[in-house]
């Protein structure tokens, strides 16, 4: 099973919460990081799981977030390098 991460960057906290909710409900993924910039006006959520689960989660999250806000980025990284994971994971 290949691991992956899905990143969803949106404008506003509400869109981030709606998008994250859809991501977690759509597939077997886990939240690993939240990044807030500009006082919460730009929010990035990162989930991890298998590649197919991350693809499904990213699509669902982007679709849901676009209904309430503006999606800036939606990307899936398959087999991320361990250094990338160390940067993304929040302990």
C-alpha atoms as a PDB file:
ATOM      1  CA  UNK A   1       0.000   0.000   0.000  1.00  0.00           C
ATOM      2  CA  UNK A   2       1.500   3.282  -1.106  1.00  0.00           C
ATOM      3  CA  UNK A   3       1.009   6.215   1.235  1.00  0.00           C
ATOM      4  CA  UNK A   4       0.149   9.708   0.075  1.00  0.00           C
ATOM      5  CA  UNK A   5      -0.772  13.134   1.364  1.00  0.00           C
ATOM      6  CA  UNK A   6      -3.529  15.417   0.134  1.00  0.00           C
ATOM      7  CA  UNK A   7      -3.315  19.192   0.566  1.00  0.00           C
ATOM      8  CA  UNK A   8      -6.309  21.503   0.389  1.00  0.00           C
ATOM      9  CA  UNK A   9      -5.663  25.238   0.595  1.00  0.00           C
ATOM     10  CA  UNK A  10      -8.673  27.514   0.855  1.00  0.00           C
ATOM     11  CA  UNK A  11      -9.533  31.084   1.632  1.00  0.00           C
ATOM     12  CA  UNK A  12     -11.208  31.366   5.077  1.00  0.00           C
ATOM     13  CA  UNK A  13     -11.595  29.094   8.086  1.00  0.00           C
ATOM     14  CA  UNK A  14     -15.170  28.120   7.270  1.00  0.00           C
ATOM     15  CA  UNK A  15     -14.222  26.741   3.857  1.00  0.00           C
ATOM     16  CA  UNK A  16     -11.331  24.839   5.479  1.00  0.00           C
ATOM     17  CA  UNK A  17     -13.621  23.220   8.037  1.00  0.00           C
ATOM     18  CA  UNK A  18     -16.226  22.289   5.430  1.00  0.00           C
ATOM     19  CA  UNK A  19     -13.546  20.913   3.101  1.00  0.00           C
ATOM     20  CA  UNK A  20     -11.821  18.955   5.870  1.00  0.00           C
ATOM     21  CA  UNK A  21     -15.120  17.480   7.031  1.00  0.00           C
ATOM     22  CA  UNK A  22     -15.842  16.268   3.497  1.00  0.00           C
ATOM     23  CA  UNK A  23     -12.313  14.854   3.146  1.00  0.00           C
ATOM     24  CA  UNK A  24     -12.526  12.848   6.360  1.00  0.00           C
ATOM     25  CA  UNK A  25     -15.995  11.518   5.527  1.00  0.00           C
ATOM     26  CA  UNK A  26     -15.187  10.610   1.914  1.00  0.00           C
ATOM     27  CA  UNK A  27     -12.229   8.297   2.518  1.00  0.00           C
ATOM     28  CA  UNK A  28     -10.048   6.585   5.084  1.00  0.00           C
ATOM     29  CA  UNK A  29      -7.612   9.452   5.694  1.00  0.00           C
ATOM     30  CA  UNK A  30      -6.270  11.152   8.809  1.00  0.00           C
ATOM     31  CA  UNK A  31      -5.613  14.823   9.473  1.00  0.00           C
ATOM     32  CA  UNK A  32      -1.894  15.429  10.053  1.00  0.00           C
ATOM     33  CA  UNK A  33      -1.452  19.203   9.724  1.00  0.00           C
ATOM     34  CA  UNK A  34      -3.284  22.528   9.624  1.00  0.00           C
ATOM     35  CA  UNK A  35      -1.527  25.715   8.561  1.00  0.00           C
ATOM     36  CA  UNK A  36      -3.169  29.111   9.059  1.00  0.00           C
ATOM     37  CA  UNK A  37      -1.799  32.198   7.328  1.00  0.00           C
ATOM     38  CA  UNK A  38      -2.918  35.814   7.274  1.00  0.00           C
ATOM     39  CA  UNK A  39      -4.965  35.478  10.452  1.00  0.00           C
ATOM     40  CA  UNK A  40      -6.917  32.477   9.180  1.00  0.00           C
ATOM     41  CA  UNK A  41      -7.754  34.007   5.818  1.00  0.00           C
ATOM     42  CA  UNK A  42      -5.639  31.360   4.083  1.00  0.00           C
ATOM     43  CA  UNK A  43      -5.815  27.850   5.535  1.00  0.00           C
ATOM     44  CA  UNK A  44      -4.125  24.640   4.379  1.00  0.00           C
ATOM     45  CA  UNK A  45      -5.196  21.232   5.656  1.00  0.00           C
ATOM     46  CA  UNK A  46      -3.127  18.101   5.064  1.00  0.00           C
ATOM     47  CA  UNK A  47      -4.408  14.535   5.345  1.00  0.00           C
ATOM     48  CA  UNK A  48      -2.617  11.240   4.822  1.00  0.00           C
ATOM     49  CA  UNK A  49      -3.686   7.786   3.701  1.00  0.00           C
ATOM     50  CA  UNK A  50      -3.430   5.483   0.721  1.00  0.00           C
ATOM     51  CA  UNK A  51      -3.134   7.074  -2.700  1.00  0.00           C
ATOM     52  CA  UNK A  52      -6.676   6.203  -3.795  1.00  0.00           C
ATOM     53  CA  UNK A  53      -8.120   7.435  -0.489  1.00  0.00           C
ATOM     54  CA  UNK A  54      -6.216  10.720  -0.750  1.00  0.00           C
ATOM     55  CA  UNK A  55      -7.448  11.232  -4.313  1.00  0.00           C
ATOM     56  CA  UNK A  56     -11.056  10.674  -3.236  1.00  0.00           C
ATOM     57  CA  UNK A  57     -10.638  12.898  -0.196  1.00  0.00           C
ATOM     58  CA  UNK A  58      -9.061  15.716  -2.206  1.00  0.00           C
ATOM     59  CA  UNK A  59     -11.860  15.701  -4.782  1.00  0.00           C
ATOM     60  CA  UNK A  60     -14.576  15.677  -2.105  1.00  0.00           C
ATOM     61  CA  UNK A  61     -12.859  18.358  -0.032  1.00  0.00           C
ATOM     62  CA  UNK A  62     -12.327  20.712  -2.964  1.00  0.00           C
ATOM     63  CA  UNK A  63     -15.906  20.281  -4.143  1.00  0.00           C
ATOM     64  CA  UNK A  64     -17.352  20.974  -0.671  1.00  0.00           C
ATOM     65  CA  UNK A  65     -15.030  23.898   0.082  1.00  0.00           C
ATOM     66  CA  UNK A  66     -15.807  25.539  -3.272  1.00  0.00           C
ATOM     67  CA  UNK A  67     -19.474  25.772  -2.259  1.00  0.00           C
ATOM     68  CA  UNK A  68     -18.682  28.101   0.657  1.00  0.00           C
ATOM     69  CA  UNK A  69     -15.353  29.700  -0.282  1.00  0.00           C
ATOM     70  CA  UNK A  70     -12.504  29.889  -2.719  1.00  0.00           C
ATOM     71  CA  UNK A  71     -10.180  26.917  -3.243  1.00  0.00           C
ATOM     72  CA  UNK A  72      -6.600  28.013  -3.896  1.00  0.00           C
ATOM     73  CA  UNK A  73      -4.934  24.594  -4.157  1.00  0.00           C
ATOM     74  CA  UNK A  74      -5.890  20.942  -4.125  1.00  0.00           C
ATOM     75  CA  UNK A  75      -3.051  18.495  -4.630  1.00  0.00           C
ATOM     76  CA  UNK A  76      -2.152  14.871  -3.884  1.00  0.00           C
ATOM     77  CA  UNK A  77       1.464  13.792  -3.395  1.00  0.00           C
ATOM     78  CA  UNK A  78       1.996  10.051  -3.755  1.00  0.00           C
ATOM     79  CA  UNK A  79       4.896   8.442  -1.876  1.00  0.00           C
ATOM     80  CA  UNK A  80       6.182  11.692  -0.324  1.00  0.00           C
ATOM     81  CA  UNK A  81       9.829  11.772   0.695  1.00  0.00           C
ATOM     82  CA  UNK A  82      10.411  11.286   4.460  1.00  0.00           C
ATOM     83  CA  UNK A  83      11.817  14.826   4.716  1.00  0.00           C
ATOM     84  CA  UNK A  84       8.574  16.205   3.309  1.00  0.00           C
ATOM     85  CA  UNK A  85       6.588  14.198   5.858  1.00  0.00           C
ATOM     86  CA  UNK A  86       8.747  15.508   8.689  1.00  0.00           C
ATOM     87  CA  UNK A  87       7.922  19.045   7.536  1.00  0.00           C
ATOM     88  CA  UNK A  88       4.184  18.340   7.292  1.00  0.00           C
ATOM     89  CA  UNK A  89       3.483  16.303  10.414  1.00  0.00           C
ATOM     90  CA  UNK A  90       2.433  18.176  13.527  1.00  0.00           C
ATOM     91  CA  UNK A  91       3.430  16.604  16.811  1.00  0.00           C
END
